[in-house]
Amino acid sequence: MKFDKQFTFGTATSSYQIEGAAAEGGRTPSIWDMFCDIPGRVYKQHNGDVACDHYHRFEEDVQHIKRLGVDTYRFSIAWPRIFPEKGKYNQEGMDFYKKLAARLTEEGIKPAVTLYHWDLPMWAHEEGGWVNRESVEWFLDYARVCFTELDAVVDSWITHNEPWCAGFLGYHQGVHAPGHTNMDEAVKAVHHMLVSHGKAVEMLKKEFASETEIGITLNLSPVYAKTDSANDALAANNADGYSNRWFLDPVFKGEYPKDMMNLFSKYVHSYDFIKEGDMEAISVECDFFGINYYSRGIVEFSAATDFLHRGAYSDYEKTGMGWDIAPNEFKDLIRRLRAEYTQLPIIITENGAAYDDVVENGRVHDKERTDYVEKHLQAVSDLNEEGMNIAGYYLWSLMDNFEWSFGYDKRFGILYVDFDTQERIWKDSAYRYAEIIRDHKKSHNLQAEVAQ
């Protein structure tokens, strides 16, 4: 695999999944604290109260990141640390992120910051959360203080991480916080997230006149029909609309897909929440496009489901999440994005795999994860040979952490975390990732020497 000199390697985490210190530093609860307390919602009723205790151990974690040799580290800010109450700014919460960003910078690691990775403050939820249009203003107040305090040390900003999960898993399917099952709410919530994204981009560029790069991250899965029947083709179209086009079309074309508006209108009785200027705001020009890619989707027709599709059987090898390992379909996805949507530099902001890891004699031999990462990095390399302009790659995740509704049952990290002792153990995948990065840097240094 080959990458050009400018290509950036990184690793990623998010606030609620690793920080812990749930009631320290002025932080108040988020919707995930609330969701974890509801019996049956999260595996064994696990929660993020302690998680990886990163809030207290960030110095140690920065050293692991440095040892990996990555160029950049992606983390998210916990909104309830910054605004523990409506309109009440908490400097102590911000100071944690200033210290973290400063330490990363001192070690030569570029901070990439996500503003929203799902931990909406409870005070916002109690006023309607993302379903309330005022959430756009709350988010902009929050973004403004983050830009004010951190823009000088941040290398790149991501407004929202995976609005599909926050919107559709949270408000329609109910498997993520806040756990609602209302499609009307879900479509409004997604719309307000997307409007807040666009307005935050505009704020950074105009109000702050900042040159820091900013974009959004969408989780995308190319969808395939199980058979070539007309029914399965319809199922695949609808699944693609629900998972991919409902987000891609507004961000890049300034409109929602009409076929999905028709399909959703059984539940969404009016689209009058789309106000004048909203679509222009959502489709504001960004500096890059972030993609989280894990797997493909395969579907078949089902008349019994809301949108006429359900997951179909696949004989692909699977990760510990039961997800198909599909690096070739990843290539299909990128080619489609280039053909239909955007020429912006693409950054793979998450890619990785969960497996049931075991510590043996102080080591974790995670061959399957190592293979998964190598296959997807090879796909990135191949795509760039085709001129697809993938500018960077973040491996998810730096360490095992709180995996949302799966609690601590699923491990995505390249560092193993013993949640009883908080010991971090490098897995084979971490050693291999560090080696790939080292080889990349070495080859470009050699080329530079030869050029002299």
Protein backbone atom coordinates (compact mmCIF):
# COMPACT_ATOMS: atom_id res chain seq x y z
CA MET A 1 0.00 0.00 0.00
CA LYS A 2 1.26 3.47 -0.92
CA PHE A 3 0.21 6.88 0.37
CA ASP A 4 1.45 10.27 -0.72
CA LYS A 5 3.45 12.51 1.60
CA GLN A 6 0.44 14.67 2.54
CA PHE A 7 -1.73 11.71 3.60
CA THR A 8 -2.57 11.85 7.32
CA PHE A 9 -2.91 8.89 9.66
CA GLY A 10 -4.93 9.22 12.83
CA THR A 11 -6.94 7.49 15.50
CA ALA A 12 -10.24 8.52 17.06
CA THR A 13 -12.44 8.46 20.18
CA SER A 14 -15.47 10.31 21.55
CA SER A 15 -16.15 12.04 24.85
CA TYR A 16 -18.89 9.91 26.44
CA GLN A 17 -17.20 6.69 25.36
CA ILE A 18 -13.88 7.32 27.11
CA GLU A 19 -13.86 10.28 29.51
CA GLY A 20 -15.69 9.10 32.62
CA ALA A 21 -15.67 11.79 35.37
CA ALA A 22 -19.40 12.06 34.70
CA ALA A 23 -20.05 14.36 37.68
CA GLU A 24 -16.68 16.16 37.82
CA GLY A 25 -15.44 19.48 36.51
CA GLY A 26 -18.94 20.95 36.45
CA ARG A 27 -20.36 18.39 34.00
CA THR A 28 -24.08 17.68 34.20
CA PRO A 29 -25.87 14.65 32.69
CA SER A 30 -26.34 14.08 28.97
CA ILE A 31 -29.07 12.06 27.27
CA TRP A 32 -26.74 9.07 27.37
CA ASP A 33 -26.47 9.19 31.17
CA MET A 34 -30.28 9.15 31.23
CA PHE A 35 -30.56 6.39 28.60
CA CYS A 36 -28.09 4.13 30.43
CA ASP A 37 -30.23 4.35 33.57
CA ILE A 38 -33.28 2.85 31.82
CA PRO A 39 -33.30 -0.93 32.41
CA GLY A 40 -32.95 -2.98 29.24
CA ARG A 41 -31.58 -0.20 27.05
CA VAL A 42 -27.84 -0.85 27.45
CA TYR A 43 -26.06 -4.19 27.85
CA LYS A 44 -26.04 -5.10 31.58
CA GLN A 45 -27.03 -1.48 32.27
CA HIS A 46 -23.42 -0.37 31.72
CA ASN A 47 -22.77 3.39 31.60
CA GLY A 48 -20.08 5.96 30.92
CA ASP A 49 -19.62 7.13 34.53
CA VAL A 50 -16.00 5.92 34.54
CA ALA A 51 -15.48 4.46 31.03
CA CYS A 52 -11.71 4.63 30.31
CA ASP A 53 -11.19 7.36 32.93
CA HIS A 54 -9.55 9.41 30.16
CA TYR A 55 -10.47 12.62 31.99
CA HIS A 56 -7.84 11.73 34.63
CA ARG A 57 -5.51 9.69 32.41
CA PHE A 58 -5.27 11.85 29.28
CA GLU A 59 -1.52 12.44 29.80
CA GLU A 60 -0.90 8.69 29.63
CA ASP A 61 -3.23 8.35 26.64
CA VAL A 62 -1.43 11.13 24.76
CA GLN A 63 1.80 9.14 25.19
CA HIS A 64 0.14 6.08 23.62
CA ILE A 65 -1.03 8.24 20.72
CA LYS A 66 2.49 9.62 20.31
CA ARG A 67 3.96 6.12 20.35
CA LEU A 68 1.59 5.07 17.56
CA GLY A 69 3.18 7.77 15.40
CA VAL A 70 -0.11 9.16 14.08
CA ASP A 71 -0.25 12.66 12.61
CA THR A 72 -3.61 13.53 14.16
CA TYR A 73 -6.01 12.52 16.93
CA ARG A 74 -9.76 12.96 16.65
CA PHE A 75 -11.74 13.50 19.86
CA SER A 76 -15.07 15.05 20.72
CA ILE A 77 -16.14 17.67 23.24
CA ALA A 78 -18.81 16.88 25.83
CA TRP A 79 -21.41 19.62 25.43
CA PRO A 80 -22.63 19.17 29.08
CA ARG A 81 -19.13 20.03 30.28
CA ILE A 82 -19.25 23.32 28.39
CA PHE A 83 -22.88 24.27 29.10
CA PRO A 84 -23.97 22.33 32.20
CA GLU A 85 -27.10 24.49 32.29
CA LYS A 86 -28.88 26.45 29.59
CA GLY A 87 -26.98 29.68 28.96
CA LYS A 88 -24.40 28.92 31.69
CA TYR A 89 -20.86 28.58 30.38
CA ASN A 90 -18.43 26.41 32.37
CA GLN A 91 -14.81 27.46 31.94
CA GLU A 92 -13.54 24.47 33.92
CA GLY A 93 -15.08 22.12 31.36
CA MET A 94 -13.39 23.97 28.51
CA ASP A 95 -10.03 24.00 30.32
CA PHE A 96 -9.86 20.19 30.12
CA TYR A 97 -10.00 20.32 26.31
CA LYS A 98 -7.53 23.20 26.18
CA LYS A 99 -5.06 21.12 28.20
CA LEU A 100 -5.64 18.07 26.00
CA ALA A 101 -5.23 20.04 22.75
CA ALA A 102 -2.09 21.75 24.10
CA ARG A 103 -0.49 18.43 25.11
CA LEU A 104 -1.25 16.90 21.72
CA THR A 105 0.22 19.92 19.95
CA GLU A 106 3.37 19.77 22.12
CA GLU A 107 3.83 16.15 21.02
CA GLY A 108 3.40 17.05 17.35
CA ILE A 109 -0.09 15.54 17.07
CA LYS A 110 -2.77 17.61 15.34
CA PRO A 111 -6.07 17.85 17.25
CA ALA A 112 -9.18 17.14 15.16
CA VAL A 113 -12.27 18.08 17.15
CA THR A 114 -15.86 16.87 16.79
CA LEU A 115 -18.40 19.24 18.31
CA TYR A 116 -21.30 16.79 18.54
CA HIS A 117 -20.80 13.08 19.12
CA TRP A 118 -24.25 12.42 20.60
CA ASP A 119 -23.98 13.63 24.21
CA LEU A 120 -26.77 16.22 24.15
CA PRO A 121 -27.15 17.94 27.56
CA MET A 122 -30.22 16.81 29.53
CA TRP A 123 -31.34 20.42 29.90
CA ALA A 124 -31.59 20.61 26.09
CA HIS A 125 -33.44 17.29 25.93
CA GLU A 126 -35.93 18.50 28.52
CA GLU A 127 -36.77 21.41 26.21
CA GLY A 128 -37.43 19.08 23.26
CA GLY A 129 -33.87 18.21 22.23
CA TRP A 130 -33.14 18.23 18.52
CA VAL A 131 -36.87 18.15 17.72
CA ASN A 132 -37.08 21.75 18.99
CA ARG A 133 -35.81 24.21 16.39
CA GLU A 134 -34.22 26.25 19.19
CA SER A 135 -31.62 23.45 19.35
CA VAL A 136 -29.96 25.13 16.36
CA GLU A 137 -29.29 28.25 18.45
CA TRP A 138 -28.18 26.23 21.48
CA PHE A 139 -25.68 24.40 19.27
CA LEU A 140 -24.40 27.66 17.78
CA ASP A 141 -23.87 29.15 21.27
CA TYR A 142 -21.87 26.04 22.13
CA ALA A 143 -19.92 26.07 18.84
CA ARG A 144 -19.09 29.76 19.31
CA VAL A 145 -17.33 29.23 22.65
CA CYS A 146 -15.50 26.16 21.29
CA PHE A 147 -14.27 28.18 18.30
CA THR A 148 -13.33 31.13 20.55
CA GLU A 149 -11.33 29.01 23.00
CA LEU A 150 -9.86 26.32 20.76
CA ASP A 151 -9.65 27.41 17.13
CA ALA A 152 -6.06 28.60 17.52
CA VAL A 153 -4.90 25.09 18.51
CA VAL A 154 -7.31 22.88 16.54
CA ASP A 155 -6.21 21.52 13.17
CA SER A 156 -9.69 20.65 11.92
CA TRP A 157 -13.31 20.75 13.08
CA ILE A 158 -16.16 18.30 12.54
CA THR A 159 -19.60 19.72 13.30
CA HIS A 160 -21.59 16.49 13.70
CA ASN A 161 -20.69 12.84 13.89
CA GLU A 162 -23.18 10.52 12.18
CA PRO A 163 -26.47 12.43 12.28
CA TRP A 164 -28.09 9.20 11.02
CA CYS A 165 -27.32 7.56 14.38
CA ALA A 166 -28.20 10.58 16.50
CA GLY A 167 -31.38 11.17 14.50
CA PHE A 168 -32.74 7.86 13.26
CA LEU A 169 -31.31 5.48 15.88
CA GLY A 170 -32.12 7.98 18.64
CA TYR A 171 -35.55 9.26 17.62
CA HIS A 172 -36.95 6.64 15.18
CA GLN A 173 -35.58 3.22 16.10
CA GLY A 174 -35.12 4.06 19.77
CA VAL A 175 -31.93 2.00 20.21
CA HIS A 176 -29.81 5.08 20.98
CA ALA A 177 -30.50 7.97 23.34
CA PRO A 178 -33.02 9.49 23.82
CA GLY A 179 -34.76 6.21 22.91
CA HIS A 180 -37.79 7.58 21.06
CA THR A 181 -39.66 5.73 18.31
CA ASN A 182 -41.26 8.53 16.33
CA MET A 183 -40.37 9.08 12.68
CA ASP A 184 -41.86 12.57 12.66
CA GLU A 185 -39.53 13.54 15.50
CA ALA A 186 -36.58 11.81 13.84
CA VAL A 187 -36.89 13.72 10.56
CA LYS A 188 -37.18 17.06 12.43
CA ALA A 189 -34.22 16.19 14.67
CA VAL A 190 -32.05 15.33 11.66
CA HIS A 191 -33.09 18.53 9.90
CA HIS A 192 -32.15 20.70 12.88
CA MET A 193 -28.80 18.90 13.23
CA LEU A 194 -28.05 19.55 9.56
CA VAL A 195 -29.10 23.22 9.78
CA SER A 196 -26.90 23.64 12.87
CA HIS A 197 -24.02 22.06 10.93
CA GLY A 198 -24.34 24.53 8.07
CA LYS A 199 -24.69 27.56 10.32
CA ALA A 200 -21.68 26.51 12.40
CA VAL A 201 -19.55 26.22 9.25
CA GLU A 202 -20.69 29.67 8.19
CA MET A 203 -19.95 31.06 11.67
CA LEU A 204 -16.37 29.74 11.67
CA LYS A 205 -15.68 31.12 8.21
CA LYS A 206 -17.44 34.50 8.48
CA GLU A 207 -17.69 35.50 12.13
CA PHE A 208 -14.27 34.09 13.03
CA ALA A 209 -12.69 34.53 9.59
CA SER A 210 -10.90 31.28 10.45
CA GLU A 211 -8.86 29.27 7.99
CA THR A 212 -9.15 26.10 10.06
CA GLU A 213 -10.71 23.33 7.99
CA ILE A 214 -14.24 22.25 8.86
CA GLY A 215 -16.60 19.53 7.63
CA ILE A 216 -19.23 17.00 8.66
CA THR A 217 -18.97 13.23 9.18
CA LEU A 218 -21.62 10.89 7.81
CA ASN A 219 -21.71 7.14 8.38
CA LEU A 220 -22.33 5.55 5.00
CA SER A 221 -23.00 1.97 3.94
CA PRO A 222 -23.41 1.02 0.29
CA VAL A 223 -26.63 -1.00 0.01
CA TYR A 224 -27.12 -4.04 -2.22
CA ALA A 225 -30.29 -5.95 -3.15
CA LYS A 226 -30.28 -9.63 -2.19
CA THR A 227 -31.62 -10.65 -5.62
CA ASP A 228 -32.24 -8.85 -8.91
CA SER A 229 -36.01 -8.96 -8.41
CA ALA A 230 -38.02 -5.73 -8.75
CA ASN A 231 -39.07 -6.00 -5.09
CA ASP A 232 -35.53 -6.32 -3.79
CA ALA A 233 -34.43 -3.43 -6.03
CA LEU A 234 -37.14 -1.31 -4.39
CA ALA A 235 -35.95 -2.44 -0.96
CA ALA A 236 -32.36 -1.45 -1.80
CA ASN A 237 -33.47 1.95 -3.10
CA ASN A 238 -35.39 2.65 0.11
CA ALA A 239 -32.60 1.39 2.38
CA ASP A 240 -30.12 3.59 0.52
CA GLY A 241 -32.48 6.55 0.87
CA TYR A 242 -32.93 6.00 4.60
CA SER A 243 -29.24 5.41 5.40
CA ASN A 244 -27.36 7.45 2.81
CA ARG A 245 -29.28 9.78 0.49
CA TRP A 246 -31.35 11.45 3.25
CA PHE A 247 -28.04 12.95 4.43
CA LEU A 248 -25.95 13.16 1.25
CA ASP A 249 -28.59 14.96 -0.82
CA PRO A 250 -29.18 17.91 1.53
CA VAL A 251 -25.46 18.35 2.28
CA PHE A 252 -24.34 18.24 -1.35
CA LYS A 253 -27.44 19.04 -3.43
CA GLY A 254 -29.41 21.29 -1.10
CA GLU A 255 -32.52 19.10 -1.19
CA TYR A 256 -34.05 16.04 0.41
CA PRO A 257 -34.71 13.08 -1.92
CA LYS A 258 -38.34 13.30 -3.10
CA ASP A 259 -38.90 9.52 -3.12
CA MET A 260 -38.01 9.38 0.57
CA MET A 261 -40.14 12.42 1.40
CA ASN A 262 -43.04 10.52 -0.16
CA LEU A 263 -42.23 7.36 1.78
CA PHE A 264 -41.76 9.21 5.08
CA SER A 265 -44.96 11.24 4.66
CA LYS A 266 -46.99 8.37 6.06
CA TYR A 267 -45.45 9.41 9.40
CA VAL A 268 -44.29 12.98 8.71
CA HIS A 269 -47.53 14.89 8.24
CA SER A 270 -45.96 18.19 7.23
CA TYR A 271 -42.57 19.34 6.04
CA ASP A 272 -43.20 22.91 7.15
CA PHE A 273 -40.30 22.64 9.63
CA ILE A 274 -38.07 23.22 6.57
CA LYS A 275 -37.80 27.02 6.66
CA GLU A 276 -36.69 29.44 3.97
CA GLY A 277 -32.89 29.42 3.69
CA ASP A 278 -32.48 26.09 5.51
CA MET A 279 -31.40 24.06 2.49
CA GLU A 280 -28.89 26.74 1.45
CA ALA A 281 -27.48 26.65 5.00
CA ILE A 282 -27.22 22.85 5.06
CA SER A 283 -25.42 22.71 1.70
CA VAL A 284 -22.79 25.32 2.64
CA GLU A 285 -19.37 24.58 1.13
CA CYS A 286 -17.09 22.67 3.53
CA ASP A 287 -13.35 22.03 3.36
CA PHE A 288 -13.52 18.23 3.48
CA PHE A 289 -16.05 15.44 3.78
CA GLY A 290 -15.75 12.95 6.65
CA ILE A 291 -16.93 9.37 6.18
CA ASN A 292 -17.27 6.65 8.79
CA TYR A 293 -17.19 3.30 7.04
CA TYR A 294 -17.54 -0.11 8.66
CA SER A 295 -19.60 -2.37 6.44
CA ARG A 296 -21.98 -2.73 3.54
CA GLY A 297 -25.72 -3.38 3.72
CA ILE A 298 -27.63 -6.18 1.98
CA VAL A 299 -31.42 -6.06 2.00
CA GLU A 300 -34.54 -7.77 0.76
CA PHE A 301 -38.13 -6.64 0.31
CA SER A 302 -40.42 -6.79 3.33
CA ALA A 303 -44.00 -5.53 3.17
CA ALA A 304 -44.22 -5.69 6.97
CA THR A 305 -41.61 -2.99 7.67
CA ASP A 306 -42.07 0.79 7.64
CA PHE A 307 -39.97 1.37 4.54
CA LEU A 308 -40.30 -2.02 2.81
CA HIS A 309 -36.82 -3.40 3.47
CA ARG A 310 -35.05 -5.60 5.99
CA GLY A 311 -31.54 -6.96 6.33
CA ALA A 312 -30.84 -10.10 4.28
CA TYR A 313 -28.55 -13.05 4.89
CA SER A 314 -25.00 -12.71 3.64
CA ASP A 315 -22.23 -15.32 3.56
CA TYR A 316 -19.49 -12.69 3.95
CA GLU A 317 -17.01 -13.00 6.80
CA LYS A 318 -18.22 -10.90 9.74
CA THR A 319 -16.75 -8.81 12.53
CA GLY A 320 -17.71 -9.25 16.19
CA MET A 321 -20.63 -6.90 15.53
CA GLY A 322 -21.98 -9.31 12.89
CA TRP A 323 -21.13 -6.79 10.18
CA ASP A 324 -19.93 -7.88 6.72
CA ILE A 325 -16.24 -7.28 6.03
CA ALA A 326 -16.51 -5.46 2.71
CA PRO A 327 -13.45 -3.49 1.51
CA ASN A 328 -14.47 -3.81 -2.16
CA GLU A 329 -17.89 -2.34 -1.46
CA PHE A 330 -16.08 0.51 0.30
CA LYS A 331 -14.45 1.22 -3.07
CA ASP A 332 -17.88 1.19 -4.73
CA LEU A 333 -19.08 3.75 -2.18
CA ILE A 334 -16.20 6.16 -2.77
CA ARG A 335 -16.51 5.92 -6.56
CA ARG A 336 -20.23 6.65 -6.28
CA LEU A 337 -19.61 9.69 -4.05
CA ARG A 338 -17.14 11.04 -6.60
CA ALA A 339 -19.54 10.42 -9.50
CA GLU A 340 -22.71 11.74 -7.85
CA TYR A 341 -21.90 14.06 -4.95
CA THR A 342 -18.61 15.80 -4.31
CA GLN A 343 -15.02 16.50 -5.26
CA LEU A 344 -14.10 17.67 -1.74
CA PRO A 345 -11.13 15.89 -0.14
CA ILE A 346 -12.52 12.82 1.66
CA ILE A 347 -11.27 11.85 5.11
CA ILE A 348 -12.12 8.44 6.52
CA THR A 349 -12.94 9.70 10.01
CA GLU A 350 -13.66 6.19 11.38
CA ASN A 351 -12.92 2.66 10.23
CA GLY A 352 -12.29 -0.37 12.40
CA ALA A 353 -13.73 -3.58 13.80
CA ALA A 354 -14.90 -5.13 17.06
CA TYR A 355 -13.76 -8.60 18.07
CA ASP A 356 -13.80 -10.62 21.30
CA ASP A 357 -10.25 -9.93 22.40
CA VAL A 358 -8.41 -11.98 25.01
CA VAL A 359 -5.22 -11.11 26.91
CA GLU A 360 -2.69 -13.96 26.82
CA ASN A 361 0.61 -13.50 28.67
CA GLY A 362 0.27 -9.74 28.50
CA ARG A 363 -0.44 -9.68 24.74
CA VAL A 364 -3.58 -9.47 22.61
CA HIS A 365 -3.29 -11.32 19.29
CA ASP A 366 -6.10 -9.75 17.26
CA LYS A 367 -5.25 -11.09 13.82
CA GLU A 368 -8.76 -10.53 12.47
CA ARG A 369 -8.74 -6.82 13.34
CA THR A 370 -5.22 -6.43 11.94
CA ASP A 371 -6.38 -8.03 8.68
CA TYR A 372 -9.48 -5.82 8.59
CA VAL A 373 -7.41 -2.63 8.96
CA GLU A 374 -4.86 -3.75 6.37
CA LYS A 375 -7.59 -4.57 3.82
CA HIS A 376 -9.26 -1.20 4.25
CA LEU A 377 -5.99 0.74 4.13
CA GLN A 378 -5.13 -1.16 0.95
CA ALA A 379 -8.53 -0.10 -0.44
CA VAL A 380 -7.74 3.54 0.40
CA SER A 381 -4.36 3.20 -1.32
CA ASP A 382 -6.02 1.64 -4.41
CA LEU A 383 -8.67 4.37 -4.52
CA ASN A 384 -6.01 7.09 -4.40
CA GLU A 385 -4.24 5.40 -7.30
CA GLU A 386 -7.53 5.99 -9.17
CA GLY A 387 -7.40 9.68 -8.21
CA MET A 388 -10.17 9.50 -5.59
CA ASN A 389 -8.44 12.00 -3.27
CA ILE A 390 -8.78 10.39 0.14
CA ALA A 391 -6.70 12.73 2.28
CA GLY A 392 -6.58 10.87 5.60
CA TYR A 393 -7.62 7.87 7.68
CA TYR A 394 -8.60 7.60 11.35
CA LEU A 395 -8.62 4.15 12.89
CA TRP A 396 -11.53 3.57 15.29
CA SER A 397 -10.75 3.33 18.06
CA LEU A 398 -7.67 4.28 20.04
CA MET A 399 -8.86 2.05 22.88
CA ASP A 400 -11.69 -0.20 23.97
CA ASN A 401 -14.49 1.94 25.35
CA PHE A 402 -18.20 2.29 26.08
CA GLU A 403 -19.83 0.98 22.90
CA TRP A 404 -23.21 2.70 23.30
CA SER A 405 -26.10 0.22 23.67
CA PHE A 406 -23.57 -2.64 23.68
CA GLY A 407 -21.91 -1.28 26.84
CA TYR A 408 -18.44 -2.72 27.42
CA ASP A 409 -19.31 -5.97 25.63
CA LYS A 410 -17.87 -4.90 22.26
CA ARG A 411 -14.21 -3.95 21.90
CA PHE A 412 -13.17 -1.73 18.98
CA GLY A 413 -9.85 -0.52 20.39
CA ILE A 414 -6.34 -1.13 19.16
CA LEU A 415 -5.39 -0.71 22.83
CA TYR A 416 -7.01 -3.23 25.17
CA VAL A 417 -8.51 -1.65 28.28
CA ASP A 418 -8.91 -3.63 31.49
CA PHE A 419 -11.94 -1.78 32.85
CA ASP A 420 -11.22 -2.94 36.43
CA THR A 421 -7.66 -1.64 36.59
CA GLN A 422 -7.70 0.85 33.65
CA GLU A 423 -4.51 -0.74 32.33
CA ARG A 424 -3.96 -0.14 28.59
CA ILE A 425 -2.39 -3.03 26.64
CA TRP A 426 -1.25 -2.70 23.04
CA LYS A 427 -2.94 -5.22 20.75
CA ASP A 428 -1.12 -6.63 17.73
CA SER A 429 -3.24 -4.31 15.57
CA ALA A 430 -1.72 -1.28 17.34
CA TYR A 431 1.83 -2.55 16.68
CA ARG A 432 0.92 -3.17 13.04
CA TYR A 433 -0.71 0.24 12.59
CA ALA A 434 2.36 1.92 14.10
CA GLU A 435 4.55 -0.09 11.69
CA ILE A 436 2.49 0.96 8.65
CA ILE A 437 2.81 4.62 9.67
CA ARG A 438 6.53 4.26 10.36
CA ASP A 439 7.13 2.64 6.96
CA HIS A 440 5.12 5.39 5.26
CA LYS A 441 7.21 8.13 6.89
CA LYS A 442 10.47 6.31 6.25
CA SER A 443 9.77 5.88 2.53
CA HIS A 444 8.96 9.58 2.11
CA ASN A 445 12.04 10.63 4.08
CA LEU A 446 14.16 8.40 1.82
CA GLN A 447 12.55 9.91 -1.27
CA ALA A 448 13.31 13.40 0.07
CA GLU A 449 16.96 12.45 0.66
CA VAL A 450 17.27 10.99 -2.85
CA ALA A 451 15.70 14.16 -4.30
CA GLN A 452 18.41 16.23 -2.65
